[in-house]
N, C-alpha and C. Protein backbone atom coordinates (compact mmCIF):
# COMPACT_ATOMS: atom_id res chain seq x y z
N UNK A 1 0.80 19.22 19.45
CA UNK A 1 1.79 18.19 19.73
C UNK A 1 3.00 18.38 18.83
N UNK A 2 4.17 18.02 19.33
CA UNK A 2 5.36 18.12 18.46
C UNK A 2 5.26 17.07 17.33
N UNK A 3 5.82 17.38 16.17
CA UNK A 3 5.79 16.42 15.05
C UNK A 3 6.47 15.12 15.44
N UNK A 4 5.93 14.02 14.93
CA UNK A 4 6.52 12.71 15.14
C UNK A 4 6.98 12.16 13.81
N UNK A 5 8.06 11.45 13.83
CA UNK A 5 8.58 10.83 12.62
C UNK A 5 8.29 9.33 12.70
N UNK A 6 7.66 8.82 11.65
CA UNK A 6 7.34 7.40 11.57
C UNK A 6 7.95 6.84 10.29
N UNK A 7 8.73 5.79 10.39
CA UNK A 7 9.31 5.14 9.22
C UNK A 7 8.40 3.99 8.83
N UNK A 8 7.78 4.13 7.67
CA UNK A 8 6.88 3.08 7.19
C UNK A 8 7.62 2.05 6.36
N UNK A 9 8.58 2.50 5.57
CA UNK A 9 9.34 1.60 4.70
C UNK A 9 10.76 2.11 4.61
N UNK A 10 11.67 1.20 4.36
CA UNK A 10 13.04 1.56 4.01
C UNK A 10 13.37 0.83 2.72
N UNK A 11 14.36 1.32 1.99
CA UNK A 11 14.70 0.70 0.71
C UNK A 11 16.15 0.98 0.37
N UNK A 12 16.67 0.15 -0.51
CA UNK A 12 17.96 0.40 -1.14
C UNK A 12 17.67 0.68 -2.61
N UNK A 13 18.26 1.72 -3.15
CA UNK A 13 18.03 2.10 -4.53
C UNK A 13 19.32 1.94 -5.30
N UNK A 14 19.22 1.27 -6.44
CA UNK A 14 20.37 1.09 -7.31
C UNK A 14 20.04 1.72 -8.66
N UNK A 15 20.76 2.75 -9.03
CA UNK A 15 20.53 3.44 -10.29
C UNK A 15 21.59 3.02 -11.30
N UNK A 16 21.17 2.96 -12.56
CA UNK A 16 22.12 2.64 -13.62
C UNK A 16 22.04 3.73 -14.68
N UNK A 17 23.17 4.00 -15.30
CA UNK A 17 23.16 4.97 -16.39
C UNK A 17 22.78 4.30 -17.70
N UNK A 18 22.97 3.00 -17.79
CA UNK A 18 22.63 2.27 -19.02
C UNK A 18 21.13 2.02 -19.07
N UNK A 19 20.59 2.08 -20.26
CA UNK A 19 19.17 1.79 -20.45
C UNK A 19 18.97 0.28 -20.29
N UNK A 20 17.97 -0.14 -19.51
CA UNK A 20 17.75 -1.58 -19.33
C UNK A 20 17.36 -2.26 -20.65
N UNK A 21 17.73 -3.50 -20.77
CA UNK A 21 17.34 -4.29 -21.93
C UNK A 21 15.82 -4.41 -21.98
N UNK A 22 15.22 -4.20 -23.14
CA UNK A 22 13.76 -4.32 -23.21
C UNK A 22 13.30 -5.73 -22.86
N UNK A 23 12.18 -5.80 -22.20
CA UNK A 23 11.57 -7.07 -21.85
C UNK A 23 10.17 -7.07 -22.46
N UNK A 24 9.79 -8.19 -23.05
CA UNK A 24 8.49 -8.30 -23.69
C UNK A 24 7.76 -9.51 -23.12
N UNK A 25 6.47 -9.35 -22.89
CA UNK A 25 5.59 -10.43 -22.42
C UNK A 25 4.36 -10.42 -23.32
N UNK A 26 3.55 -11.43 -23.18
CA UNK A 26 2.31 -11.46 -23.94
C UNK A 26 1.43 -10.29 -23.51
N UNK A 27 0.84 -9.58 -24.47
CA UNK A 27 -0.08 -8.50 -24.08
C UNK A 27 -1.27 -9.08 -23.31
N UNK A 28 -1.87 -8.26 -22.49
CA UNK A 28 -3.01 -8.71 -21.68
C UNK A 28 -4.17 -9.08 -22.60
N UNK A 29 -4.79 -10.22 -22.34
CA UNK A 29 -5.95 -10.60 -23.14
C UNK A 29 -7.20 -9.87 -22.65
N UNK A 30 -8.23 -9.82 -23.47
CA UNK A 30 -9.49 -9.26 -22.97
C UNK A 30 -10.07 -10.19 -21.91
N UNK A 31 -10.99 -9.70 -21.11
CA UNK A 31 -11.57 -10.57 -20.08
C UNK A 31 -12.26 -11.78 -20.71
N UNK A 32 -11.98 -12.99 -20.19
CA UNK A 32 -12.62 -14.19 -20.73
C UNK A 32 -14.04 -14.39 -20.18
N UNK A 33 -14.39 -13.61 -19.20
CA UNK A 33 -15.71 -13.73 -18.55
C UNK A 33 -15.99 -12.45 -17.80
N UNK A 34 -16.63 -12.55 -16.65
CA UNK A 34 -16.96 -11.35 -15.89
C UNK A 34 -15.70 -10.58 -15.46
N UNK A 35 -15.82 -9.26 -15.55
CA UNK A 35 -14.74 -8.38 -15.09
C UNK A 35 -15.34 -7.41 -14.08
N UNK A 36 -14.49 -7.00 -13.14
CA UNK A 36 -14.92 -5.99 -12.19
C UNK A 36 -14.75 -4.61 -12.80
N UNK A 37 -15.70 -3.73 -12.55
CA UNK A 37 -15.60 -2.34 -12.98
C UNK A 37 -14.89 -1.53 -11.91
N UNK A 38 -14.49 -0.32 -12.26
CA UNK A 38 -13.87 0.57 -11.27
C UNK A 38 -14.82 0.83 -10.11
N UNK A 39 -16.10 1.02 -10.41
CA UNK A 39 -17.07 1.25 -9.33
C UNK A 39 -17.11 0.08 -8.35
N UNK A 40 -17.05 -1.14 -8.88
CA UNK A 40 -17.06 -2.31 -8.00
C UNK A 40 -15.78 -2.39 -7.17
N UNK A 41 -14.64 -2.13 -7.81
CA UNK A 41 -13.35 -2.20 -7.11
C UNK A 41 -13.31 -1.20 -5.96
N UNK A 42 -13.70 0.05 -6.24
CA UNK A 42 -13.54 1.09 -5.23
C UNK A 42 -14.73 1.20 -4.28
N UNK A 43 -15.65 0.25 -4.39
CA UNK A 43 -16.69 0.17 -3.37
C UNK A 43 -16.13 -0.45 -2.10
N UNK A 44 -14.98 -1.15 -2.20
CA UNK A 44 -14.36 -1.73 -1.00
C UNK A 44 -12.87 -1.40 -0.89
N UNK A 45 -12.19 -1.03 -1.97
CA UNK A 45 -10.82 -0.53 -1.88
C UNK A 45 -10.93 0.95 -1.52
N UNK A 46 -10.32 1.34 -0.43
CA UNK A 46 -10.44 2.70 0.07
C UNK A 46 -9.29 3.55 -0.47
N UNK A 47 -9.47 4.09 -1.68
CA UNK A 47 -8.45 4.91 -2.31
C UNK A 47 -9.08 6.21 -2.80
N UNK A 48 -8.32 7.29 -2.67
CA UNK A 48 -8.78 8.56 -3.20
C UNK A 48 -8.67 8.58 -4.71
N UNK A 49 -9.20 9.61 -5.35
CA UNK A 49 -9.26 9.67 -6.81
C UNK A 49 -7.92 9.48 -7.51
N UNK A 50 -6.84 10.03 -6.97
CA UNK A 50 -5.54 9.93 -7.64
C UNK A 50 -5.01 8.50 -7.68
N UNK A 51 -5.46 7.66 -6.76
CA UNK A 51 -4.96 6.28 -6.73
C UNK A 51 -6.06 5.25 -7.02
N UNK A 52 -7.12 5.71 -7.66
CA UNK A 52 -8.10 4.77 -8.21
C UNK A 52 -7.61 4.41 -9.61
N UNK A 53 -6.68 3.48 -9.66
CA UNK A 53 -5.93 3.18 -10.88
C UNK A 53 -6.49 2.01 -11.69
N UNK A 54 -7.45 1.28 -11.15
CA UNK A 54 -8.01 0.12 -11.85
C UNK A 54 -9.29 0.53 -12.58
N UNK A 55 -9.28 0.38 -13.89
CA UNK A 55 -10.48 0.64 -14.70
C UNK A 55 -11.34 -0.61 -14.80
N UNK A 56 -10.69 -1.76 -14.91
CA UNK A 56 -11.38 -3.06 -14.96
C UNK A 56 -10.40 -4.11 -14.50
N UNK A 57 -10.91 -5.22 -13.96
CA UNK A 57 -10.05 -6.30 -13.47
C UNK A 57 -10.73 -7.65 -13.69
N UNK A 58 -9.89 -8.67 -13.97
CA UNK A 58 -10.40 -10.01 -14.22
C UNK A 58 -9.29 -11.02 -14.00
N UNK A 59 -9.65 -12.29 -14.02
CA UNK A 59 -8.63 -13.33 -13.90
C UNK A 59 -8.38 -13.93 -15.28
N UNK A 60 -7.15 -14.38 -15.47
CA UNK A 60 -6.77 -15.02 -16.72
C UNK A 60 -5.66 -16.02 -16.46
N UNK A 61 -5.92 -17.28 -16.73
CA UNK A 61 -4.89 -18.32 -16.68
C UNK A 61 -4.10 -18.30 -15.37
N UNK A 62 -4.81 -18.26 -14.24
CA UNK A 62 -4.16 -18.33 -12.94
C UNK A 62 -3.54 -17.04 -12.46
N UNK A 63 -3.91 -15.91 -13.05
CA UNK A 63 -3.36 -14.62 -12.63
C UNK A 63 -4.48 -13.58 -12.60
N UNK A 64 -4.18 -12.49 -11.96
CA UNK A 64 -5.08 -11.34 -11.91
C UNK A 64 -4.60 -10.31 -12.92
N UNK A 65 -5.53 -9.76 -13.69
CA UNK A 65 -5.20 -8.75 -14.70
C UNK A 65 -6.03 -7.51 -14.41
N UNK A 66 -5.41 -6.34 -14.51
CA UNK A 66 -6.14 -5.09 -14.32
C UNK A 66 -5.69 -4.08 -15.38
N UNK A 67 -6.67 -3.37 -15.91
CA UNK A 67 -6.40 -2.30 -16.88
C UNK A 67 -6.28 -0.98 -16.13
N UNK A 68 -5.26 -0.21 -16.49
CA UNK A 68 -5.04 1.09 -15.86
C UNK A 68 -6.13 2.07 -16.28
N UNK A 69 -6.64 2.82 -15.31
CA UNK A 69 -7.63 3.86 -15.58
C UNK A 69 -7.04 4.89 -16.54
N UNK A 70 -7.85 5.29 -17.51
CA UNK A 70 -7.42 6.32 -18.46
C UNK A 70 -8.61 7.20 -18.76
N UNK A 71 -8.54 8.47 -18.44
CA UNK A 71 -7.40 9.18 -17.87
C UNK A 71 -7.37 9.06 -16.34
N UNK A 72 -6.18 9.19 -15.80
CA UNK A 72 -6.01 9.19 -14.35
C UNK A 72 -6.27 10.59 -13.80
N UNK A 73 -6.75 10.65 -12.59
CA UNK A 73 -6.88 11.93 -11.89
C UNK A 73 -5.48 12.49 -11.61
N UNK A 74 -5.41 13.77 -11.35
CA UNK A 74 -4.12 14.41 -11.06
C UNK A 74 -3.45 13.72 -9.87
N UNK A 75 -2.14 13.52 -9.98
CA UNK A 75 -1.37 12.86 -8.93
C UNK A 75 -0.80 13.87 -7.93
N UNK A 76 -0.39 15.03 -8.43
CA UNK A 76 0.22 16.02 -7.57
C UNK A 76 0.01 17.40 -8.18
N UNK A 77 0.31 18.42 -7.39
CA UNK A 77 0.09 19.79 -7.82
C UNK A 77 1.33 20.60 -7.55
N UNK A 78 1.90 21.25 -8.55
CA UNK A 78 1.44 21.34 -9.93
C UNK A 78 1.74 20.05 -10.71
N UNK A 79 0.82 19.70 -11.60
CA UNK A 79 0.88 18.44 -12.33
C UNK A 79 2.05 18.31 -13.28
N UNK A 80 2.65 19.42 -13.70
CA UNK A 80 3.77 19.33 -14.65
C UNK A 80 5.09 18.95 -13.99
N UNK A 81 5.13 18.89 -12.65
CA UNK A 81 6.35 18.43 -11.99
C UNK A 81 6.56 16.96 -12.31
N UNK A 82 7.79 16.56 -12.62
CA UNK A 82 8.03 15.17 -13.03
C UNK A 82 8.01 14.20 -11.85
N UNK A 83 7.72 12.95 -12.17
CA UNK A 83 7.90 11.85 -11.22
C UNK A 83 8.91 10.91 -11.86
N UNK A 84 9.72 10.28 -11.04
CA UNK A 84 10.80 9.45 -11.57
C UNK A 84 10.35 8.07 -12.00
N UNK A 85 9.41 7.46 -11.27
CA UNK A 85 9.12 6.06 -11.57
C UNK A 85 7.65 5.71 -11.71
N UNK A 86 6.79 6.69 -11.90
CA UNK A 86 5.35 6.44 -12.06
C UNK A 86 4.80 5.60 -10.91
N UNK A 87 4.69 6.19 -9.73
CA UNK A 87 4.25 5.42 -8.56
C UNK A 87 2.89 4.76 -8.72
N UNK A 88 2.06 5.31 -9.59
CA UNK A 88 0.73 4.70 -9.74
C UNK A 88 0.78 3.40 -10.53
N UNK A 89 1.84 3.16 -11.28
CA UNK A 89 1.98 1.85 -11.92
C UNK A 89 2.37 0.80 -10.89
N UNK A 90 3.14 1.18 -9.91
CA UNK A 90 3.45 0.27 -8.81
C UNK A 90 2.18 0.02 -8.00
N UNK A 91 1.42 1.07 -7.76
CA UNK A 91 0.14 0.92 -7.07
C UNK A 91 -0.81 0.01 -7.86
N UNK A 92 -0.76 0.09 -9.18
CA UNK A 92 -1.58 -0.80 -10.01
C UNK A 92 -1.22 -2.26 -9.72
N UNK A 93 0.06 -2.54 -9.55
CA UNK A 93 0.49 -3.90 -9.18
C UNK A 93 -0.07 -4.28 -7.81
N UNK A 94 0.06 -3.38 -6.84
CA UNK A 94 -0.46 -3.67 -5.50
C UNK A 94 -1.95 -4.01 -5.55
N UNK A 95 -2.71 -3.21 -6.27
CA UNK A 95 -4.15 -3.42 -6.31
C UNK A 95 -4.53 -4.66 -7.12
N UNK A 96 -3.79 -4.94 -8.17
CA UNK A 96 -4.07 -6.13 -8.98
C UNK A 96 -3.87 -7.39 -8.15
N UNK A 97 -2.79 -7.44 -7.38
CA UNK A 97 -2.57 -8.57 -6.47
C UNK A 97 -3.64 -8.60 -5.39
N UNK A 98 -4.01 -7.43 -4.87
CA UNK A 98 -5.03 -7.36 -3.84
C UNK A 98 -6.38 -7.88 -4.31
N UNK A 99 -6.71 -7.63 -5.56
CA UNK A 99 -7.97 -8.14 -6.10
C UNK A 99 -7.95 -9.66 -6.20
N UNK A 100 -6.80 -10.23 -6.54
CA UNK A 100 -6.68 -11.69 -6.57
C UNK A 100 -6.95 -12.26 -5.18
N UNK A 101 -6.31 -11.69 -4.18
CA UNK A 101 -6.52 -12.18 -2.81
C UNK A 101 -7.96 -12.02 -2.37
N UNK A 102 -8.57 -10.89 -2.70
CA UNK A 102 -9.95 -10.66 -2.30
C UNK A 102 -10.89 -11.65 -3.00
N UNK A 103 -10.66 -11.89 -4.28
CA UNK A 103 -11.55 -12.76 -5.04
C UNK A 103 -11.32 -14.23 -4.84
N UNK A 104 -10.08 -14.62 -4.55
CA UNK A 104 -9.75 -16.05 -4.40
C UNK A 104 -9.65 -16.50 -2.96
N UNK A 105 -9.21 -15.61 -2.09
CA UNK A 105 -8.92 -16.00 -0.71
C UNK A 105 -9.81 -15.29 0.31
N UNK A 106 -10.74 -14.46 -0.17
CA UNK A 106 -11.65 -13.72 0.70
C UNK A 106 -10.94 -12.91 1.77
N UNK A 107 -9.85 -12.27 1.37
CA UNK A 107 -9.17 -11.41 2.33
C UNK A 107 -8.54 -10.22 1.62
N UNK A 108 -8.45 -9.13 2.32
CA UNK A 108 -7.79 -7.94 1.82
C UNK A 108 -6.37 -7.92 2.36
N UNK A 109 -5.43 -7.52 1.52
CA UNK A 109 -4.04 -7.45 1.95
C UNK A 109 -3.45 -6.09 1.68
N UNK A 110 -2.62 -5.63 2.56
CA UNK A 110 -1.89 -4.38 2.39
C UNK A 110 -0.43 -4.68 2.08
N UNK A 111 0.26 -3.72 1.43
CA UNK A 111 1.69 -3.93 1.15
C UNK A 111 2.49 -4.13 2.42
N UNK A 112 3.32 -5.17 2.41
CA UNK A 112 4.22 -5.42 3.54
C UNK A 112 5.68 -5.31 3.09
N UNK A 113 5.98 -5.85 1.89
CA UNK A 113 7.37 -5.89 1.45
C UNK A 113 7.41 -6.03 -0.06
N UNK A 114 8.41 -5.42 -0.67
CA UNK A 114 8.65 -5.57 -2.10
C UNK A 114 10.09 -6.01 -2.27
N UNK A 115 10.27 -7.13 -2.99
CA UNK A 115 11.63 -7.60 -3.24
C UNK A 115 12.40 -6.66 -4.15
N UNK A 116 11.81 -6.31 -5.30
CA UNK A 116 12.46 -5.37 -6.21
C UNK A 116 11.44 -4.76 -7.16
N UNK A 117 11.78 -3.58 -7.62
CA UNK A 117 10.99 -2.88 -8.63
C UNK A 117 11.95 -2.46 -9.72
N UNK A 118 11.58 -2.75 -10.96
CA UNK A 118 12.36 -2.29 -12.11
C UNK A 118 11.45 -1.50 -13.03
N UNK A 119 11.90 -0.33 -13.42
CA UNK A 119 11.15 0.53 -14.32
C UNK A 119 11.96 0.65 -15.60
N UNK A 120 11.32 0.40 -16.73
CA UNK A 120 11.99 0.46 -18.03
C UNK A 120 11.66 1.76 -18.73
N UNK A 121 12.66 2.58 -18.93
CA UNK A 121 12.47 3.82 -19.65
C UNK A 121 11.60 4.81 -18.91
N UNK A 122 11.01 5.72 -19.65
CA UNK A 122 10.16 6.75 -19.07
C UNK A 122 8.73 6.23 -19.02
N UNK A 123 8.37 5.63 -17.92
CA UNK A 123 7.06 5.01 -17.79
C UNK A 123 5.94 6.03 -17.73
N UNK A 124 6.26 7.30 -17.60
CA UNK A 124 5.22 8.33 -17.53
C UNK A 124 4.82 8.82 -18.92
N UNK A 125 5.55 8.44 -19.96
CA UNK A 125 5.31 8.97 -21.30
C UNK A 125 4.70 7.95 -22.25
N UNK A 126 4.12 6.89 -21.74
CA UNK A 126 3.59 5.84 -22.59
C UNK A 126 2.14 6.15 -22.94
N UNK A 127 1.82 6.02 -24.22
CA UNK A 127 0.45 6.18 -24.66
C UNK A 127 -0.18 4.80 -24.83
N UNK A 128 -1.48 4.77 -24.77
CA UNK A 128 -2.19 3.51 -24.99
C UNK A 128 -2.49 2.80 -23.71
N UNK A 129 -3.24 1.71 -23.82
CA UNK A 129 -3.66 0.99 -22.61
C UNK A 129 -2.49 0.29 -21.93
N UNK A 130 -2.48 0.35 -20.61
CA UNK A 130 -1.51 -0.38 -19.81
C UNK A 130 -2.27 -1.39 -18.96
N UNK A 131 -1.65 -2.56 -18.77
CA UNK A 131 -2.28 -3.62 -17.98
C UNK A 131 -1.25 -4.18 -17.00
N UNK A 132 -1.73 -4.51 -15.81
CA UNK A 132 -0.90 -5.22 -14.83
C UNK A 132 -1.35 -6.68 -14.81
N UNK A 133 -0.38 -7.56 -14.61
CA UNK A 133 -0.66 -8.99 -14.45
C UNK A 133 0.08 -9.45 -13.20
N UNK A 134 -0.68 -9.84 -12.18
CA UNK A 134 -0.10 -10.28 -10.91
C UNK A 134 -0.30 -11.79 -10.78
N UNK A 135 0.80 -12.48 -10.51
CA UNK A 135 0.77 -13.93 -10.35
C UNK A 135 1.21 -14.27 -8.94
N UNK A 136 0.37 -15.02 -8.24
CA UNK A 136 0.72 -15.42 -6.87
C UNK A 136 1.69 -16.59 -6.95
N UNK A 137 2.88 -16.42 -6.36
CA UNK A 137 3.88 -17.49 -6.41
C UNK A 137 3.86 -18.34 -5.14
N UNK A 138 3.30 -17.80 -4.09
CA UNK A 138 2.95 -18.55 -2.88
C UNK A 138 1.96 -17.67 -2.13
N UNK A 139 1.32 -18.20 -1.13
CA UNK A 139 0.27 -17.45 -0.45
C UNK A 139 0.77 -16.07 0.00
N UNK A 140 0.14 -15.03 -0.54
CA UNK A 140 0.49 -13.67 -0.15
C UNK A 140 1.75 -13.12 -0.76
N UNK A 141 2.35 -13.81 -1.76
CA UNK A 141 3.59 -13.37 -2.41
C UNK A 141 3.36 -13.36 -3.92
N UNK A 142 3.61 -12.21 -4.55
CA UNK A 142 3.28 -12.01 -5.95
C UNK A 142 4.45 -11.47 -6.75
N UNK A 143 4.45 -11.83 -8.04
CA UNK A 143 5.24 -11.13 -9.05
C UNK A 143 4.24 -10.42 -9.94
N UNK A 144 4.59 -9.23 -10.40
CA UNK A 144 3.66 -8.46 -11.23
C UNK A 144 4.43 -7.72 -12.31
N UNK A 145 3.84 -7.66 -13.50
CA UNK A 145 4.39 -6.84 -14.57
C UNK A 145 3.29 -5.90 -15.06
N UNK A 146 3.71 -4.74 -15.53
CA UNK A 146 2.82 -3.82 -16.23
C UNK A 146 3.32 -3.74 -17.66
N UNK A 147 2.41 -3.99 -18.61
CA UNK A 147 2.78 -4.00 -20.03
C UNK A 147 1.94 -2.99 -20.80
N UNK A 148 2.52 -2.54 -21.92
CA UNK A 148 1.74 -1.71 -22.84
C UNK A 148 0.99 -2.61 -23.80
N UNK A 149 0.31 -2.03 -24.77
CA UNK A 149 -0.51 -2.80 -25.69
C UNK A 149 0.26 -3.76 -26.57
N UNK A 150 1.57 -3.54 -26.72
CA UNK A 150 2.42 -4.43 -27.51
C UNK A 150 3.13 -5.48 -26.67
N UNK A 151 2.90 -5.47 -25.36
CA UNK A 151 3.53 -6.43 -24.47
C UNK A 151 4.87 -5.98 -23.92
N UNK A 152 5.29 -4.75 -24.21
CA UNK A 152 6.54 -4.24 -23.65
C UNK A 152 6.36 -4.04 -22.15
N UNK A 153 7.27 -4.60 -21.37
CA UNK A 153 7.19 -4.50 -19.92
C UNK A 153 7.68 -3.11 -19.50
N UNK A 154 6.82 -2.39 -18.82
CA UNK A 154 7.11 -1.04 -18.37
C UNK A 154 7.60 -1.05 -16.93
N UNK A 155 6.95 -1.88 -16.10
CA UNK A 155 7.31 -2.02 -14.68
C UNK A 155 7.30 -3.50 -14.34
N UNK A 156 8.28 -3.92 -13.57
CA UNK A 156 8.33 -5.28 -13.03
C UNK A 156 8.48 -5.15 -11.53
N UNK A 157 7.57 -5.79 -10.81
CA UNK A 157 7.57 -5.80 -9.35
C UNK A 157 7.71 -7.26 -8.94
N UNK A 158 8.80 -7.61 -8.31
CA UNK A 158 9.05 -9.00 -7.92
C UNK A 158 8.98 -9.17 -6.41
N UNK A 159 8.41 -10.32 -6.02
CA UNK A 159 8.35 -10.74 -4.63
C UNK A 159 7.65 -9.69 -3.75
N UNK A 160 6.46 -9.31 -4.20
CA UNK A 160 5.61 -8.40 -3.45
C UNK A 160 4.81 -9.21 -2.44
N UNK A 161 4.99 -8.89 -1.17
CA UNK A 161 4.32 -9.62 -0.09
C UNK A 161 3.28 -8.72 0.56
N UNK A 162 2.14 -9.33 0.85
CA UNK A 162 1.07 -8.60 1.51
C UNK A 162 0.93 -9.07 2.95
N UNK A 163 0.25 -8.25 3.74
CA UNK A 163 -0.14 -8.61 5.09
C UNK A 163 -1.66 -8.51 5.13
N UNK A 164 -2.34 -9.57 5.60
CA UNK A 164 -3.80 -9.55 5.56
C UNK A 164 -4.41 -8.60 6.59
N UNK A 165 -5.49 -7.98 6.17
CA UNK A 165 -6.29 -7.17 7.09
C UNK A 165 -7.28 -8.10 7.79
N UNK A 166 -7.60 -7.81 9.03
CA UNK A 166 -8.55 -8.67 9.75
C UNK A 166 -10.01 -8.36 9.41
N UNK A 167 -10.24 -7.56 8.39
CA UNK A 167 -11.58 -7.16 7.99
C UNK A 167 -12.07 -8.10 6.89
N UNK A 168 -13.27 -8.65 7.02
CA UNK A 168 -13.78 -9.54 5.97
C UNK A 168 -14.17 -8.75 4.72
N UNK A 169 -14.24 -9.47 3.60
CA UNK A 169 -14.71 -8.87 2.35
C UNK A 169 -16.20 -8.54 2.54
N UNK A 170 -16.62 -7.34 2.18
CA UNK A 170 -18.04 -7.00 2.33
C UNK A 170 -18.93 -7.95 1.50
N UNK A 171 -20.02 -8.40 2.10
CA UNK A 171 -20.93 -9.33 1.43
C UNK A 171 -21.45 -8.79 0.11
N UNK A 172 -21.67 -7.47 0.02
CA UNK A 172 -22.27 -6.91 -1.18
C UNK A 172 -21.33 -6.92 -2.39
N UNK A 173 -20.02 -7.18 -2.20
CA UNK A 173 -19.11 -7.27 -3.34
C UNK A 173 -18.50 -8.67 -3.50
N UNK A 174 -18.70 -9.53 -2.53
CA UNK A 174 -18.06 -10.86 -2.57
C UNK A 174 -18.48 -11.66 -3.80
N UNK A 175 -19.76 -11.62 -4.15
CA UNK A 175 -20.22 -12.40 -5.31
C UNK A 175 -19.55 -11.93 -6.60
N UNK A 176 -19.44 -10.60 -6.78
CA UNK A 176 -18.79 -10.06 -7.97
C UNK A 176 -17.31 -10.46 -8.02
N UNK A 177 -16.65 -10.39 -6.87
CA UNK A 177 -15.24 -10.79 -6.79
C UNK A 177 -15.07 -12.26 -7.14
N UNK A 178 -15.90 -13.10 -6.57
CA UNK A 178 -15.80 -14.53 -6.84
C UNK A 178 -16.06 -14.83 -8.32
N UNK A 179 -17.03 -14.13 -8.91
CA UNK A 179 -17.33 -14.35 -10.33
C UNK A 179 -16.15 -13.97 -11.22
N UNK A 180 -15.46 -12.90 -10.88
CA UNK A 180 -14.36 -12.43 -11.72
C UNK A 180 -13.06 -13.21 -11.48
N UNK A 181 -12.87 -13.78 -10.28
CA UNK A 181 -11.58 -14.39 -9.95
C UNK A 181 -11.65 -15.87 -9.61
N UNK A 182 -12.75 -16.52 -9.83
CA UNK A 182 -12.85 -17.93 -9.43
C UNK A 182 -12.38 -18.90 -10.51
N UNK A 183 -11.89 -18.42 -11.61
CA UNK A 183 -11.44 -19.30 -12.71
C UNK A 183 -10.19 -20.05 -12.34
């Protein structure tokens, strides 16, 4: 068959030559109770090794928190080619919000729309643990930040909207999800 072109997303990109002003938030706290492991997350999130970005996830003070997997599997080949904005940190936001929806609303959501993404500095060169914190601002609409261990905001994703999948949460993971996100 002849190749077909499908447009999944469109975007407007605004680049600046000036370095963005640093933004700081509270560093992610340790889990206050049960946390989901990567094995639990990827038993129902269908992602290949390069995008299995959640090492652990839990709820904290009305938000979903996820720790970035370290080390991450290779993203592309050859691996030394640069990436401009660390797409897996944006994916970490998507999955962190998705875990909130799965654990609190018993539904899986896929990305539908992103209001804006801001990346501070070279997000690919950060050492140490990174955490995403996704806060639902209305049903299916989230703001998310990714911070380093000192609370420096590396990525900010605002007004991320999901579209629900018609597939129910598998029974074998629902209890774990509810335990981690029912606070």
